[in-house]
């Protein structure tokens, strides 16, 4: 029995650790789902007027309505859409009726429509306030000269288009603008891989237990083979 103590102990300790990691991921999954439900509730809430001083924490994803005018000049942010391929987010300046200037993300156009003329002027918008974090260490620097950006850098966009550093991601324009596909704020792009992680840890625990059983059976068989015949 002493020979079995080591594999049993290692098997139990290892399995317990792996199961604990799986349980922790299940708890993280519940926590993340709660956050996503809260975000979705905010995104789909009743729209409000544009706050006087939008705050990236207090007003993140807040639904807003704006009346005013889309101005000339736009910036193109390179993106890719499933089943559509590469294209651009169209970022334009918007002057509100009370004289403020903000950024609006009007949506997606294919690569071939980058320089196509688009409707500007009097527009009623509905969208969500957003402070996107598109840039990471591998993101190229924006090509200002070619008007091809690789991230929605709010401060740089505001400086380029002479607006406040406030971005509204459009859900709808009235009147609608043909050729632009709105890309409204949603939780679809927020990663939630905790279920996969939990399954991985629980699977590893099962494999660990299985390998421990094999180890014990082999050790037992070897011990029986070493016993002299009587």
C-alpha atoms as a PDB file:
ATOM      1  CA  UNK A   1       0.000   0.000   0.000  1.00  0.00           C
ATOM      2  CA  UNK A   2       2.898   2.323   0.695  1.00  0.00           C
ATOM      3  CA  UNK A   3       3.931   2.065  -2.965  1.00  0.00           C
ATOM      4  CA  UNK A   4       0.508   3.404  -3.964  1.00  0.00           C
ATOM      5  CA  UNK A   5       0.603   6.374  -1.607  1.00  0.00           C
ATOM      6  CA  UNK A   6       2.679   8.565  -3.937  1.00  0.00           C
ATOM      7  CA  UNK A   7       0.560   8.113  -7.109  1.00  0.00           C
ATOM      8  CA  UNK A   8      -2.687   8.465  -5.136  1.00  0.00           C
ATOM      9  CA  UNK A   9      -1.474  11.661  -3.450  1.00  0.00           C
ATOM     10  CA  UNK A  10      -0.167  13.140  -6.705  1.00  0.00           C
ATOM     11  CA  UNK A  11      -3.381  12.186  -8.492  1.00  0.00           C
ATOM     12  CA  UNK A  12      -5.639  13.719  -5.862  1.00  0.00           C
ATOM     13  CA  UNK A  13      -3.637  16.909  -5.474  1.00  0.00           C
ATOM     14  CA  UNK A  14      -3.256  17.431  -9.216  1.00  0.00           C
ATOM     15  CA  UNK A  15      -6.932  16.744  -9.917  1.00  0.00           C
ATOM     16  CA  UNK A  16      -8.000  19.055  -7.083  1.00  0.00           C
ATOM     17  CA  UNK A  17      -5.908  21.896  -8.474  1.00  0.00           C
ATOM     18  CA  UNK A  18      -7.284  21.422 -11.997  1.00  0.00           C
ATOM     19  CA  UNK A  19     -10.892  21.188 -10.765  1.00  0.00           C
ATOM     20  CA  UNK A  20     -10.367  24.328  -8.667  1.00  0.00           C
ATOM     21  CA  UNK A  21      -9.139  26.177 -11.755  1.00  0.00           C
ATOM     22  CA  UNK A  22     -12.211  24.978 -13.659  1.00  0.00           C
ATOM     23  CA  UNK A  23     -14.548  26.138 -10.883  1.00  0.00           C
ATOM     24  CA  UNK A  24     -12.770  29.517 -10.833  1.00  0.00           C
ATOM     25  CA  UNK A  25     -13.389  29.890 -14.570  1.00  0.00           C
ATOM     26  CA  UNK A  26     -17.092  29.059 -14.078  1.00  0.00           C
ATOM     27  CA  UNK A  27     -17.243  31.818 -11.461  1.00  0.00           C
ATOM     28  CA  UNK A  28     -15.475  34.177 -13.867  1.00  0.00           C
ATOM     29  CA  UNK A  29     -17.997  33.201 -16.560  1.00  0.00           C
ATOM     30  CA  UNK A  30     -20.910  34.191 -14.315  1.00  0.00           C
ATOM     31  CA  UNK A  31     -19.151  37.465 -13.462  1.00  0.00           C
ATOM     32  CA  UNK A  32     -18.475  38.245 -17.130  1.00  0.00           C
ATOM     33  CA  UNK A  33     -22.021  37.408 -18.181  1.00  0.00           C
ATOM     34  CA  UNK A  34     -23.300  39.820 -15.524  1.00  0.00           C
ATOM     35  CA  UNK A  35     -21.078  42.577 -16.913  1.00  0.00           C
ATOM     36  CA  UNK A  36     -22.228  41.860 -20.470  1.00  0.00           C
ATOM     37  CA  UNK A  37     -25.893  41.991 -19.405  1.00  0.00           C
ATOM     38  CA  UNK A  38     -25.242  45.330 -17.734  1.00  0.00           C
ATOM     39  CA  UNK A  39     -23.519  46.670 -20.862  1.00  0.00           C
ATOM     40  CA  UNK A  40     -26.336  45.440 -23.105  1.00  0.00           C
ATOM     41  CA  UNK A  41     -28.876  47.092 -20.818  1.00  0.00           C
ATOM     42  CA  UNK A  42     -26.962  50.362 -21.084  1.00  0.00           C
ATOM     43  CA  UNK A  43     -26.576  50.142 -24.866  1.00  0.00           C
ATOM     44  CA  UNK A  44     -30.262  49.444 -25.416  1.00  0.00           C
ATOM     45  CA  UNK A  45     -31.567  51.959 -22.900  1.00  0.00           C
ATOM     46  CA  UNK A  46     -33.615  55.045 -23.618  1.00  0.00           C
ATOM     47  CA  UNK A  47     -31.500  57.626 -25.461  1.00  0.00           C
ATOM     48  CA  UNK A  48     -30.577  60.874 -23.758  1.00  0.00           C
ATOM     49  CA  UNK A  49     -29.354  64.216 -25.010  1.00  0.00           C
ATOM     50  CA  UNK A  50     -25.602  64.535 -25.441  1.00  0.00           C
ATOM     51  CA  UNK A  51     -24.178  65.226 -21.948  1.00  0.00           C
ATOM     52  CA  UNK A  52     -22.558  68.614 -21.433  1.00  0.00           C
ATOM     53  CA  UNK A  53     -19.291  66.976 -20.388  1.00  0.00           C
ATOM     54  CA  UNK A  54     -19.226  63.322 -21.465  1.00  0.00           C
ATOM     55  CA  UNK A  55     -17.138  61.131 -19.155  1.00  0.00           C
ATOM     56  CA  UNK A  56     -15.425  57.970 -20.478  1.00  0.00           C
ATOM     57  CA  UNK A  57     -16.412  56.017 -17.370  1.00  0.00           C
ATOM     58  CA  UNK A  58     -19.799  57.438 -16.443  1.00  0.00           C
ATOM     59  CA  UNK A  59     -21.114  57.672 -20.018  1.00  0.00           C
ATOM     60  CA  UNK A  60     -19.457  54.691 -21.708  1.00  0.00           C
ATOM     61  CA  UNK A  61     -21.969  53.108 -24.154  1.00  0.00           C
ATOM     62  CA  UNK A  62     -24.653  55.660 -23.193  1.00  0.00           C
ATOM     63  CA  UNK A  63     -27.342  55.926 -25.917  1.00  0.00           C
ATOM     64  CA  UNK A  64     -27.754  59.462 -27.217  1.00  0.00           C
ATOM     65  CA  UNK A  65     -29.670  61.413 -29.840  1.00  0.00           C
ATOM     66  CA  UNK A  66     -28.241  64.372 -31.730  1.00  0.00           C
ATOM     67  CA  UNK A  67     -29.734  66.882 -34.116  1.00  0.00           C
ATOM     68  CA  UNK A  68     -27.459  68.939 -36.285  1.00  0.00           C
ATOM     69  CA  UNK A  69     -25.346  68.655 -39.383  1.00  0.00           C
ATOM     70  CA  UNK A  70     -22.719  66.248 -40.685  1.00  0.00           C
ATOM     71  CA  UNK A  71     -19.831  68.352 -41.900  1.00  0.00           C
ATOM     72  CA  UNK A  72     -17.497  67.938 -44.878  1.00  0.00           C
ATOM     73  CA  UNK A  73     -14.305  65.980 -44.467  1.00  0.00           C
ATOM     74  CA  UNK A  74     -14.066  62.464 -43.139  1.00  0.00           C
ATOM     75  CA  UNK A  75     -11.453  60.017 -41.894  1.00  0.00           C
ATOM     76  CA  UNK A  76     -11.243  56.378 -42.976  1.00  0.00           C
ATOM     77  CA  UNK A  77     -10.318  53.691 -40.434  1.00  0.00           C
ATOM     78  CA  UNK A  78      -9.347  50.361 -41.994  1.00  0.00           C
ATOM     79  CA  UNK A  79     -11.392  47.417 -40.680  1.00  0.00           C
ATOM     80  CA  UNK A  80     -12.625  44.036 -41.860  1.00  0.00           C
ATOM     81  CA  UNK A  81     -16.142  42.667 -41.813  1.00  0.00           C
ATOM     82  CA  UNK A  82     -17.107  38.989 -41.882  1.00  0.00           C
ATOM     83  CA  UNK A  83     -18.277  37.832 -45.304  1.00  0.00           C
ATOM     84  CA  UNK A  84     -17.559  41.306 -46.692  1.00  0.00           C
ATOM     85  CA  UNK A  85     -13.815  41.675 -46.410  1.00  0.00           C
ATOM     86  CA  UNK A  86     -11.825  44.835 -45.939  1.00  0.00           C
ATOM     87  CA  UNK A  87     -13.341  48.275 -45.790  1.00  0.00           C
ATOM     88  CA  UNK A  88     -13.378  51.453 -43.758  1.00  0.00           C
ATOM     89  CA  UNK A  89     -15.189  53.001 -40.853  1.00  0.00           C
ATOM     90  CA  UNK A  90     -16.221  56.492 -41.875  1.00  0.00           C
ATOM     91  CA  UNK A  91     -15.544  59.035 -39.124  1.00  0.00           C
ATOM     92  CA  UNK A  92     -16.971  62.509 -39.746  1.00  0.00           C
ATOM     93  CA  UNK A  93     -17.421  65.787 -37.852  1.00  0.00           C
ATOM     94  CA  UNK A  94     -20.898  66.601 -36.582  1.00  0.00           C
ATOM     95  CA  UNK A  95     -22.082  70.061 -35.531  1.00  0.00           C
ATOM     96  CA  UNK A  96     -24.939  69.976 -33.057  1.00  0.00           C
ATOM     97  CA  UNK A  97     -27.719  72.559 -32.976  1.00  0.00           C
ATOM     98  CA  UNK A  98     -26.223  74.099 -29.845  1.00  0.00           C
ATOM     99  CA  UNK A  99     -22.881  74.695 -31.560  1.00  0.00           C
ATOM    100  CA  UNK A 100     -20.840  71.746 -30.333  1.00  0.00           C
ATOM    101  CA  UNK A 101     -18.657  69.678 -32.648  1.00  0.00           C
ATOM    102  CA  UNK A 102     -18.223  65.956 -32.031  1.00  0.00           C
ATOM    103  CA  UNK A 103     -17.016  62.897 -33.929  1.00  0.00           C
ATOM    104  CA  UNK A 104     -19.485  60.438 -35.422  1.00  0.00           C
ATOM    105  CA  UNK A 105     -18.655  56.920 -36.581  1.00  0.00           C
ATOM    106  CA  UNK A 106     -21.140  56.586 -39.441  1.00  0.00           C
ATOM    107  CA  UNK A 107     -20.375  52.951 -40.234  1.00  0.00           C
ATOM    108  CA  UNK A 108     -18.718  50.692 -42.806  1.00  0.00           C
ATOM    109  CA  UNK A 109     -18.051  51.136 -46.513  1.00  0.00           C
ATOM    110  CA  UNK A 110     -16.204  48.677 -48.795  1.00  0.00           C
ATOM    111  CA  UNK A 111     -12.692  49.485 -49.973  1.00  0.00           C
ATOM    112  CA  UNK A 112     -14.011  50.394 -53.413  1.00  0.00           C
ATOM    113  CA  UNK A 113     -16.296  53.055 -51.879  1.00  0.00           C
ATOM    114  CA  UNK A 114     -13.633  54.807 -49.831  1.00  0.00           C
ATOM    115  CA  UNK A 115     -13.676  57.992 -51.880  1.00  0.00           C
ATOM    116  CA  UNK A 116     -17.289  57.863 -53.034  1.00  0.00           C
ATOM    117  CA  UNK A 117     -19.380  60.995 -52.339  1.00  0.00           C
ATOM    118  CA  UNK A 118     -21.609  60.710 -49.257  1.00  0.00           C
ATOM    119  CA  UNK A 119     -24.556  62.705 -48.045  1.00  0.00           C
ATOM    120  CA  UNK A 120     -23.742  65.422 -45.514  1.00  0.00           C
ATOM    121  CA  UNK A 121     -25.801  68.214 -43.996  1.00  0.00           C
ATOM    122  CA  UNK A 122     -28.873  68.238 -41.752  1.00  0.00           C
ATOM    123  CA  UNK A 123     -29.182  64.927 -39.934  1.00  0.00           C
ATOM    124  CA  UNK A 124     -30.767  63.421 -36.833  1.00  0.00           C
ATOM    125  CA  UNK A 125     -28.585  60.741 -35.284  1.00  0.00           C
ATOM    126  CA  UNK A 126     -29.101  58.003 -32.768  1.00  0.00           C
ATOM    127  CA  UNK A 127     -26.064  56.206 -31.413  1.00  0.00           C
ATOM    128  CA  UNK A 128     -23.896  55.406 -28.418  1.00  0.00           C
ATOM    129  CA  UNK A 129     -21.023  57.233 -26.804  1.00  0.00           C
ATOM    130  CA  UNK A 130     -17.831  55.226 -27.031  1.00  0.00           C
ATOM    131  CA  UNK A 131     -14.156  55.557 -26.249  1.00  0.00           C
ATOM    132  CA  UNK A 132     -12.751  52.601 -28.233  1.00  0.00           C
ATOM    133  CA  UNK A 133      -9.403  51.032 -27.462  1.00  0.00           C
ATOM    134  CA  UNK A 134      -8.518  49.897 -30.986  1.00  0.00           C
ATOM    135  CA  UNK A 135      -4.754  50.316 -30.769  1.00  0.00           C
ATOM    136  CA  UNK A 136      -2.382  47.588 -29.561  1.00  0.00           C
ATOM    137  CA  UNK A 137       1.404  47.110 -29.854  1.00  0.00           C
ATOM    138  CA  UNK A 138       1.088  45.605 -33.362  1.00  0.00           C
ATOM    139  CA  UNK A 139      -1.163  48.363 -34.787  1.00  0.00           C
ATOM    140  CA  UNK A 140       0.625  50.378 -37.525  1.00  0.00           C
ATOM    141  CA  UNK A 141       0.848  54.125 -37.302  1.00  0.00           C
ATOM    142  CA  UNK A 142      -1.954  55.978 -39.065  1.00  0.00           C
ATOM    143  CA  UNK A 143      -1.267  57.105 -42.641  1.00  0.00           C
ATOM    144  CA  UNK A 144      -2.432  60.693 -42.332  1.00  0.00           C
ATOM    145  CA  UNK A 145      -1.354  61.630 -45.850  1.00  0.00           C
ATOM    146  CA  UNK A 146      -3.289  58.799 -47.455  1.00  0.00           C
ATOM    147  CA  UNK A 147      -6.235  59.212 -45.071  1.00  0.00           C
ATOM    148  CA  UNK A 148      -5.977  55.606 -43.959  1.00  0.00           C
ATOM    149  CA  UNK A 149      -6.124  55.110 -40.219  1.00  0.00           C
ATOM    150  CA  UNK A 150      -5.641  51.838 -38.378  1.00  0.00           C
ATOM    151  CA  UNK A 151      -7.302  52.763 -35.078  1.00  0.00           C
ATOM    152  CA  UNK A 152      -9.910  55.165 -33.807  1.00  0.00           C
ATOM    153  CA  UNK A 153      -7.510  57.387 -31.884  1.00  0.00           C
ATOM    154  CA  UNK A 154     -10.015  59.816 -30.395  1.00  0.00           C
ATOM    155  CA  UNK A 155      -7.591  62.623 -29.541  1.00  0.00           C
ATOM    156  CA  UNK A 156      -5.921  62.519 -32.966  1.00  0.00           C
ATOM    157  CA  UNK A 157      -9.287  62.279 -34.757  1.00  0.00           C
ATOM    158  CA  UNK A 158     -10.610  65.263 -32.822  1.00  0.00           C
ATOM    159  CA  UNK A 159      -7.512  67.263 -33.683  1.00  0.00           C
ATOM    160  CA  UNK A 160      -7.743  66.331 -37.365  1.00  0.00           C
ATOM    161  CA  UNK A 161     -11.460  67.097 -37.702  1.00  0.00           C
ATOM    162  CA  UNK A 162     -11.500  70.038 -35.259  1.00  0.00           C
ATOM    163  CA  UNK A 163     -14.018  68.544 -32.828  1.00  0.00           C
ATOM    164  CA  UNK A 164     -14.309  67.749 -29.155  1.00  0.00           C
ATOM    165  CA  UNK A 165     -12.724  64.378 -28.226  1.00  0.00           C
ATOM    166  CA  UNK A 166     -16.156  62.747 -28.116  1.00  0.00           C
ATOM    167  CA  UNK A 167     -17.249  59.901 -30.401  1.00  0.00           C
ATOM    168  CA  UNK A 168     -20.801  58.800 -31.137  1.00  0.00           C
ATOM    169  CA  UNK A 169     -21.084  55.431 -32.891  1.00  0.00           C
ATOM    170  CA  UNK A 170     -24.161  55.755 -35.093  1.00  0.00           C
ATOM    171  CA  UNK A 171     -27.066  53.308 -34.927  1.00  0.00           C
ATOM    172  CA  UNK A 172     -29.255  55.226 -37.348  1.00  0.00           C
ATOM    173  CA  UNK A 173     -29.225  58.384 -39.458  1.00  0.00           C
ATOM    174  CA  UNK A 174     -32.331  60.318 -40.489  1.00  0.00           C
ATOM    175  CA  UNK A 175     -32.445  60.690 -43.420  1.00  0.00           C
ATOM    176  CA  UNK A 176     -30.609  57.435 -44.084  1.00  0.00           C
ATOM    177  CA  UNK A 177     -27.401  57.483 -46.118  1.00  0.00           C
ATOM    178  CA  UNK A 178     -27.224  54.811 -48.850  1.00  0.00           C
ATOM    179  CA  UNK A 179     -23.970  52.898 -49.061  1.00  0.00           C
ATOM    180  CA  UNK A 180     -23.000  53.122 -45.387  1.00  0.00           C
ATOM    181  CA  UNK A 181     -23.611  50.138 -43.132  1.00  0.00           C
ATOM    182  CA  UNK A 182     -23.874  51.227 -39.491  1.00  0.00           C
ATOM    183  CA  UNK A 183     -21.681  49.269 -37.095  1.00  0.00           C
ATOM    184  CA  UNK A 184     -23.462  50.022 -33.819  1.00  0.00           C
ATOM    185  CA  UNK A 185     -21.888  49.408 -30.435  1.00  0.00           C
ATOM    186  CA  UNK A 186     -22.576  45.884 -29.155  1.00  0.00           C
ATOM    187  CA  UNK A 187     -21.080  43.287 -26.826  1.00  0.00           C
ATOM    188  CA  UNK A 188     -20.185  41.016 -29.760  1.00  0.00           C
ATOM    189  CA  UNK A 189     -16.580  42.192 -29.782  1.00  0.00           C
ATOM    190  CA  UNK A 190     -16.033  41.746 -26.036  1.00  0.00           C
ATOM    191  CA  UNK A 191     -14.214  38.440 -25.454  1.00  0.00           C
ATOM    192  CA  UNK A 192     -15.821  35.912 -23.111  1.00  0.00           C
ATOM    193  CA  UNK A 193     -13.807  32.703 -23.280  1.00  0.00           C
ATOM    194  CA  UNK A 194     -14.295  31.543 -19.691  1.00  0.00           C
ATOM    195  CA  UNK A 195     -16.539  28.610 -20.656  1.00  0.00           C
ATOM    196  CA  UNK A 196     -13.862  27.239 -22.986  1.00  0.00           C
ATOM    197  CA  UNK A 197     -11.258  27.700 -20.263  1.00  0.00           C
ATOM    198  CA  UNK A 198     -13.464  25.887 -17.737  1.00  0.00           C
ATOM    199  CA  UNK A 199     -14.009  22.959 -20.109  1.00  0.00           C
ATOM    200  CA  UNK A 200     -10.246  22.790 -20.699  1.00  0.00           C
ATOM    201  CA  UNK A 201      -9.429  22.645 -16.969  1.00  0.00           C
ATOM    202  CA  UNK A 202     -12.134  20.049 -16.235  1.00  0.00           C
ATOM    203  CA  UNK A 203     -10.949  17.954 -19.197  1.00  0.00           C
ATOM    204  CA  UNK A 204      -7.384  18.101 -17.925  1.00  0.00           C
ATOM    205  CA  UNK A 205      -8.606  17.012 -14.496  1.00  0.00           C
ATOM    206  CA  UNK A 206     -10.338  14.004 -16.048  1.00  0.00           C
ATOM    207  CA  UNK A 207      -7.203  13.138 -18.024  1.00  0.00           C
ATOM    208  CA  UNK A 208      -5.086  13.535 -14.880  1.00  0.00           C
ATOM    209  CA  UNK A 209      -7.345  11.141 -12.974  1.00  0.00           C
ATOM    210  CA  UNK A 210      -7.267   8.696 -15.869  1.00  0.00           C
ATOM    211  CA  UNK A 211      -3.466   8.786 -16.033  1.00  0.00           C
ATOM    212  CA  UNK A 212      -3.308   8.296 -12.259  1.00  0.00           C
ATOM    213  CA  UNK A 213      -5.518   5.209 -12.496  1.00  0.00           C
ATOM    214  CA  UNK A 214      -3.283   3.800 -15.248  1.00  0.00           C
ATOM    215  CA  UNK A 215      -0.203   4.542 -13.136  1.00  0.00           C
ATOM    216  CA  UNK A 216      -1.705   2.736 -10.111  1.00  0.00           C
ATOM    217  CA  UNK A 217      -2.810  -0.263 -12.174  1.00  0.00           C
ATOM    218  CA  UNK A 218       0.605  -0.622 -13.778  1.00  0.00           C
ATOM    219  CA  UNK A 219       2.338  -0.300 -10.428  1.00  0.00           C
ATOM    220  CA  UNK A 220       0.019  -2.876  -8.908  1.00  0.00           C
ATOM    221  CA  UNK A 221       0.571  -5.270 -11.821  1.00  0.00           C
ATOM    222  CA  UNK A 222       4.348  -4.830 -11.566  1.00  0.00           C
ATOM    223  CA  UNK A 223       4.250  -5.520  -7.825  1.00  0.00           C
ATOM    224  CA  UNK A 224       2.173  -8.660  -8.351  1.00  0.00           C
ATOM    225  CA  UNK A 225       4.613  -9.851 -11.012  1.00  0.00           C
ATOM    226  CA  UNK A 226       7.498  -9.465  -8.576  1.00  0.00           C
ATOM    227  CA  UNK A 227       5.853 -11.686  -5.933  1.00  0.00           C
ATOM    228  CA  UNK A 228       7.306 -15.236  -5.866  1.00  0.00           C
ATOM    229  CA  UNK A 229       5.027 -18.102  -6.828  1.00  0.00           C
ATOM    230  CA  UNK A 230       3.905 -20.346  -3.937  1.00  0.00           C
END
